[in-house]
Protein backbone atom coordinates (compact mmCIF):
# COMPACT_ATOMS: atom_id res chain seq x y z
CA MET A 1 -0.07 0.09 0.02
CA PRO A 2 1.42 3.31 -0.85
CA GLU A 3 2.28 5.53 2.59
CA LEU A 4 2.38 9.04 3.53
CA PRO A 5 5.09 10.13 1.31
CA GLU A 6 3.76 8.22 -1.95
CA VAL A 7 0.50 9.99 -1.20
CA GLU A 8 1.98 13.17 -0.73
CA THR A 9 3.98 12.81 -4.01
CA VAL A 10 0.91 12.19 -5.96
CA ARG A 11 -0.62 15.43 -4.31
CA ARG A 12 2.09 17.58 -4.98
CA GLY A 13 2.20 16.33 -8.42
CA LEU A 14 -1.77 17.00 -9.02
CA GLU A 15 -2.14 20.35 -7.10
CA PRO A 16 -0.79 22.76 -9.95
CA TRP A 17 -3.28 21.20 -12.53
CA LEU A 18 -6.08 20.68 -10.65
CA ALA A 19 -6.35 23.62 -8.59
CA GLY A 20 -8.65 26.45 -10.00
CA ALA A 21 -9.84 23.28 -13.03
CA ARG A 22 -13.76 23.18 -13.82
CA ILE A 23 -14.97 19.54 -14.16
CA GLU A 24 -16.83 19.51 -17.14
CA THR A 25 -17.75 15.57 -17.66
CA VAL A 26 -17.09 12.73 -15.62
CA THR A 27 -16.90 9.25 -17.15
CA LEU A 28 -17.44 5.95 -15.08
CA ASN A 29 -16.44 2.98 -16.92
CA ARG A 30 -17.19 0.76 -14.58
CA ALA A 31 -19.72 0.71 -11.41
CA ASP A 32 -17.11 -0.08 -8.75
CA LEU A 33 -13.36 -0.26 -7.38
CA ARG A 34 -12.88 -1.75 -4.19
CA PHE A 35 -16.40 -0.52 -3.24
CA PRO A 36 -19.31 0.89 -5.67
CA PHE A 37 -18.65 4.39 -6.68
CA PRO A 38 -21.13 6.56 -4.40
CA SER A 39 -24.56 7.35 -5.81
CA GLY A 40 -24.45 10.86 -7.40
CA LEU A 41 -21.11 11.07 -7.95
CA LYS A 42 -21.03 12.28 -11.30
CA ALA A 43 -23.82 14.40 -10.91
CA GLY A 44 -21.93 15.77 -8.00
CA LEU A 45 -18.71 16.47 -9.68
CA GLU A 46 -19.94 17.77 -13.12
CA GLY A 47 -19.90 21.35 -13.07
CA ASP A 48 -17.84 22.11 -9.80
CA THR A 49 -14.68 23.56 -9.79
CA ILE A 50 -11.55 22.01 -7.80
CA ALA A 51 -10.62 24.40 -5.02
CA SER A 52 -8.23 22.38 -3.53
CA VAL A 53 -5.58 19.10 -3.44
CA GLY A 54 -4.99 17.93 -0.01
CA ARG A 55 -4.06 15.14 2.21
CA ARG A 56 -5.02 13.66 5.67
CA ALA A 57 -3.12 10.33 6.51
CA LYS A 58 -3.13 8.35 3.36
CA TYR A 59 -5.98 9.78 1.56
CA LEU A 60 -6.18 12.32 -1.11
CA LEU A 61 -8.58 15.24 -0.57
CA ILE A 62 -10.04 17.10 -3.60
CA GLY A 63 -11.97 20.01 -2.42
CA LEU A 64 -14.42 21.62 -4.34
CA GLU A 65 -15.86 25.11 -4.64
CA SER A 66 -19.49 23.41 -3.74
CA GLY A 67 -18.09 22.46 -0.33
CA ARG A 68 -18.07 19.15 -1.15
CA THR A 69 -14.98 17.00 -1.13
CA MET A 70 -13.80 13.62 -2.79
CA LEU A 71 -11.66 11.39 -1.20
CA SER A 72 -9.22 9.17 -2.90
CA HIS A 73 -7.47 5.86 -1.32
CA LEU A 74 -4.79 4.21 -4.00
CA GLY A 75 -4.95 0.96 -2.89
CA MET A 76 -2.44 -1.14 -4.04
CA THR A 77 -2.16 -0.29 -7.49
CA GLY A 78 -4.17 2.92 -8.01
CA SER A 79 -2.93 6.32 -9.96
CA TRP A 80 -4.02 9.27 -11.15
CA ARG A 81 -2.54 10.45 -14.45
CA PHE A 82 -3.28 13.05 -16.92
CA ALA A 83 -3.44 11.92 -20.64
CA GLU A 84 -1.95 14.92 -22.34
CA HIS A 85 0.80 15.23 -20.17
CA GLY A 86 3.31 14.44 -17.57
CA ILE A 87 4.79 16.81 -14.82
CA ASP A 88 7.94 18.60 -15.12
CA LYS A 89 9.85 16.04 -12.85
CA ALA A 90 12.46 14.60 -15.47
CA PRO A 91 14.53 12.58 -13.45
CA ARG A 92 11.87 9.76 -12.46
CA TYR A 93 9.49 10.58 -15.58
CA TYR A 94 8.57 7.51 -17.75
CA GLU A 95 5.37 6.12 -19.61
CA PRO A 96 4.22 3.40 -17.97
CA GLY A 97 2.40 0.96 -20.08
CA THR A 98 -0.96 1.22 -18.85
CA ALA A 99 -3.68 -0.78 -20.78
CA PRO A 100 -6.93 1.39 -20.96
CA LYS A 101 -9.14 -1.76 -19.90
CA HIS A 102 -7.85 -0.33 -16.37
CA ASP A 103 -8.93 3.35 -16.76
CA HIS A 104 -12.09 3.26 -14.68
CA LEU A 105 -12.58 7.06 -14.25
CA VAL A 106 -12.13 9.76 -16.52
CA PHE A 107 -12.67 13.81 -15.75
CA ASP A 108 -12.91 16.04 -18.43
CA ILE A 109 -11.41 19.16 -17.00
CA ALA A 110 -10.77 22.89 -17.77
CA HIS A 111 -7.89 25.00 -16.15
CA PRO A 112 -7.87 28.48 -16.79
CA ALA A 113 -3.85 28.30 -17.15
CA HIS A 114 -3.16 25.05 -18.39
CA GLY A 115 -6.36 24.68 -20.59
CA LYS A 116 -8.54 21.65 -21.22
CA SER A 117 -6.93 17.83 -19.97
CA HIS A 118 -8.22 14.32 -19.00
CA LEU A 119 -7.54 13.28 -15.89
CA ILE A 120 -7.80 9.59 -15.36
CA TYR A 121 -8.03 6.97 -12.42
CA ALA A 122 -6.46 3.53 -12.88
CA ASP A 123 -6.25 0.82 -10.87
CA PRO A 124 -5.52 -2.79 -11.97
CA ARG A 125 -6.11 -4.82 -9.03
CA ARG A 126 -8.97 -2.17 -8.05
CA PHE A 127 -8.35 -2.37 -4.12
CA GLY A 128 -8.43 1.72 -4.46
CA PHE A 129 -11.80 3.42 -3.66
CA LEU A 130 -13.27 6.86 -4.04
CA ASP A 131 -16.16 8.81 -1.79
CA LEU A 132 -17.79 12.01 -1.77
CA TYR A 133 -18.46 13.97 0.97
CA ASP A 134 -20.98 17.13 1.73
CA ASP A 135 -18.81 17.16 5.00
CA VAL A 136 -15.59 15.20 5.06
CA ALA A 137 -15.29 15.42 8.65
CA ALA A 138 -17.98 13.04 8.70
CA SER A 139 -16.03 10.08 6.91
CA PRO A 140 -15.28 7.17 8.63
CA TYR A 141 -11.78 7.02 7.18
CA LEU A 142 -10.80 10.20 8.79
CA SER A 143 -12.46 10.25 12.22
CA GLY A 144 -10.10 8.95 15.04
CA LEU A 145 -7.07 9.30 13.32
CA GLY A 146 -4.14 10.79 14.95
CA PRO A 147 -1.64 13.61 14.48
CA GLU A 148 0.08 14.11 11.12
CA PRO A 149 3.74 12.84 11.70
CA LEU A 150 5.05 16.12 9.90
CA GLY A 151 2.59 18.31 11.82
CA ASN A 152 3.39 20.23 14.97
CA ASP A 153 0.77 18.04 17.12
CA PHE A 154 3.19 15.18 16.51
CA ASN A 155 6.08 15.59 19.25
CA ALA A 156 7.57 13.42 21.67
CA ALA A 157 5.33 14.68 24.88
CA ALA A 158 2.30 13.69 22.74
CA LEU A 159 3.56 10.10 21.86
CA ALA A 160 4.61 9.94 25.54
CA ARG A 161 1.02 10.16 26.32
CA ALA A 162 -0.13 8.14 24.06
CA PHE A 163 2.54 5.01 25.02
CA VAL A 164 1.86 5.37 28.79
CA GLY A 165 1.51 1.39 30.04
CA LYS A 166 1.35 0.31 26.56
CA LYS A 167 2.69 -3.12 26.53
CA THR A 168 2.27 -3.19 22.34
CA PRO A 169 5.96 -3.31 20.84
CA ILE A 170 6.99 -0.10 19.38
CA LYS A 171 6.81 -1.12 15.58
CA ALA A 172 2.81 -1.91 16.24
CA ALA A 173 2.43 1.17 18.01
CA LEU A 174 3.50 3.39 15.61
CA LEU A 175 1.54 1.54 12.71
CA ASP A 176 -1.90 2.36 14.61
CA GLN A 177 -3.62 5.25 13.04
CA ARG A 178 -5.35 6.52 15.91
CA VAL A 179 -1.44 7.48 17.23
CA VAL A 180 0.02 8.88 14.56
CA ALA A 181 -1.69 8.98 11.02
CA GLY A 182 0.01 7.88 7.73
CA LEU A 183 2.80 5.69 8.97
CA GLY A 184 3.38 2.17 7.28
CA ASN A 185 5.71 -0.60 7.76
CA ILE A 186 8.53 0.65 5.50
CA TYR A 187 9.14 4.08 6.96
CA VAL A 188 8.38 2.51 10.41
CA SER A 189 10.98 0.42 9.78
CA GLU A 190 13.70 2.93 8.68
CA ALA A 191 12.68 5.60 11.39
CA LEU A 192 13.18 2.91 14.18
CA HIS A 193 16.74 2.20 12.50
CA ARG A 194 17.81 5.37 12.58
CA SER A 195 16.78 6.07 16.16
CA HIS A 196 18.56 2.91 17.28
CA ILE A 197 15.44 1.30 18.75
CA LEU A 198 14.50 -2.46 18.52
CA PRO A 199 11.07 -2.93 16.84
CA THR A 200 10.15 -5.21 19.76
CA VAL A 201 10.75 -2.51 22.41
CA LEU A 202 7.43 -2.14 24.26
CA ALA A 203 6.02 1.16 23.79
CA GLY A 204 5.77 2.15 27.64
CA SER A 205 9.30 1.21 27.89
CA LEU A 206 10.07 4.61 26.19
CA VAL A 207 8.43 6.66 28.97
CA THR A 208 9.58 7.81 32.14
CA ALA A 209 8.06 7.05 35.33
CA ALA A 210 6.45 10.82 35.35
CA GLY A 211 5.03 10.16 31.77
CA GLY A 212 7.06 12.09 30.01
CA PRO A 213 9.14 11.00 26.69
CA LYS A 214 12.90 9.09 27.23
CA PRO A 215 15.48 10.67 25.23
CA ALA A 216 14.68 7.59 22.63
CA LEU A 217 11.35 9.00 22.01
CA GLU A 218 12.68 12.50 21.20
CA ASP A 219 15.18 10.81 18.85
CA LEU A 220 12.25 8.57 17.11
CA VAL A 221 9.98 11.78 16.32
CA GLN A 222 12.91 13.20 14.68
CA ALA A 223 13.82 10.10 12.82
CA VAL A 224 10.02 9.75 11.60
CA ARG A 225 10.21 13.26 10.26
CA GLN A 226 13.75 13.14 8.68
CA VAL A 227 12.73 9.80 6.71
CA LEU A 228 9.66 11.04 5.74
CA GLY A 229 11.11 14.27 4.58
CA GLU A 230 13.77 12.72 2.46
CA ALA A 231 11.14 10.08 1.22
CA ILE A 232 8.80 12.92 -0.26
CA VAL A 233 11.98 14.72 -1.67
CA SER A 234 12.64 11.58 -3.50
CA GLY A 235 8.95 10.97 -4.63
CA GLY A 236 8.47 8.26 -2.55
CA SER A 237 9.37 4.42 -2.79
CA THR A 238 8.50 1.95 -5.81
CA LEU A 239 8.30 -1.55 -4.64
CA ARG A 240 5.68 -3.04 -6.86
CA ASP A 241 3.19 -0.80 -8.60
CA PHE A 242 3.22 2.60 -6.98
CA ARG A 243 2.96 5.66 -9.83
CA ASN A 244 2.94 9.24 -8.74
CA ALA A 245 1.10 11.86 -11.02
CA GLU A 246 4.01 11.82 -13.77
CA GLY A 247 3.38 8.29 -14.18
CA GLY A 248 6.83 7.44 -12.80
CA SER A 249 8.11 5.68 -9.75
CA GLY A 250 9.76 7.09 -6.70
CA TYR A 251 13.30 6.40 -5.89
CA PHE A 252 13.50 6.46 -2.27
CA GLN A 253 14.06 2.48 -2.09
CA HIS A 254 17.39 3.10 -3.38
CA ASN A 255 18.12 4.63 0.10
CA PHE A 256 16.78 1.95 2.42
CA ALA A 257 18.88 1.38 5.38
CA VAL A 258 17.11 -1.86 6.62
CA TYR A 259 13.62 -2.44 4.98
CA ASP A 260 14.02 -5.55 2.60
CA ARG A 261 17.50 -5.88 3.11
CA GLU A 262 17.86 -8.90 5.23
CA GLY A 263 21.18 -10.25 5.18
CA GLU A 264 23.07 -7.51 4.45
CA PRO A 265 25.56 -5.26 6.62
CA CYS A 266 24.09 -2.85 8.75
CA PRO A 267 24.97 0.88 7.18
CA THR A 268 25.15 2.70 10.37
CA PRO A 269 28.99 4.06 10.77
CA GLY A 270 31.34 1.77 13.01
CA CYS A 271 28.38 -1.12 13.25
CA HIS A 272 29.28 -4.61 12.31
CA GLY A 273 25.86 -6.04 12.55
CA THR A 274 23.52 -7.50 9.77
CA VAL A 275 20.18 -6.64 9.07
CA THR A 276 17.61 -9.38 10.10
CA ARG A 277 14.00 -9.90 9.66
CA ILE A 278 11.35 -11.12 11.62
CA VAL A 279 7.77 -11.42 11.66
CA GLN A 280 5.75 -9.09 13.63
CA SER A 281 1.41 -9.09 13.67
CA GLY A 282 2.09 -10.63 9.84
CA ARG A 283 4.36 -7.78 8.80
CA SER A 284 8.22 -8.14 8.20
CA SER A 285 10.50 -6.11 10.34
CA PHE A 286 13.85 -5.48 9.31
CA PHE A 287 16.52 -4.29 11.91
CA CYS A 288 19.89 -4.50 13.12
CA PRO A 289 20.29 -6.32 16.23
CA LEU A 290 23.67 -4.99 16.79
CA CYS A 291 22.95 -1.08 16.82
CA GLN A 292 18.93 -0.97 17.65
CA MET A 293 18.59 -1.75 21.37
CA GLN A 294 16.28 -1.45 24.41
CA PRO A 295 16.38 2.18 25.57
């Protein structure tokens, strides 16, 4: 599944071409994706103007001047692209071999600066979905989400409050979207390695007796921010099917320190450990047992 950096990369690619564009017609080439398209989607979008392209956690939020919001989740293989053009980020741009049979939704749009174009949602495995809300705050997908990891509300003190008494491994605690929104398996593994914390450490052990954050928790917050920031600059990570809004793949996977590098030397300077893989809650965790430790 695309994680926060991949979705943010798509958002940044779409925004200059969509903000201010009028949706002239909507073509639905099938009745559903992971779920059926919401009733009234076509009528609710046609004639409206896109006011903003936002993101919350792993969801794209396309805000309309009418006040409605279209929520988009990419699933495993979903992508947004333009039929007429890519986006000017040449180092990772290429045209993927997209079969028209996977183009499930097409917007004919008119932008005051860029003119007319076709925005296409393609999804070979159809695990993505769309929804349309008069008030997006009412969406069940967004309710109960924790703070954004790149926002001011994500800090060591807030994590300490969430972790007090928690006997959950820190890896699982960070994947809990109620604790922090948008983090996934890849970037949690990388952040834990960067902050030298074992993925099996209990979340509550990173909190002092007084309920404050231990220094390792401060380090973890900074590592999460750094890893996500670097991944966004790199256009996200491409493991299988991720495509950004240019039709290109991200390349942060070339900077992985531990994820998917089982058996390779730990890249931490001065460390002679070997990257190890274990399974936690059905997901692979990659770490160095030598330089990652119990705080």
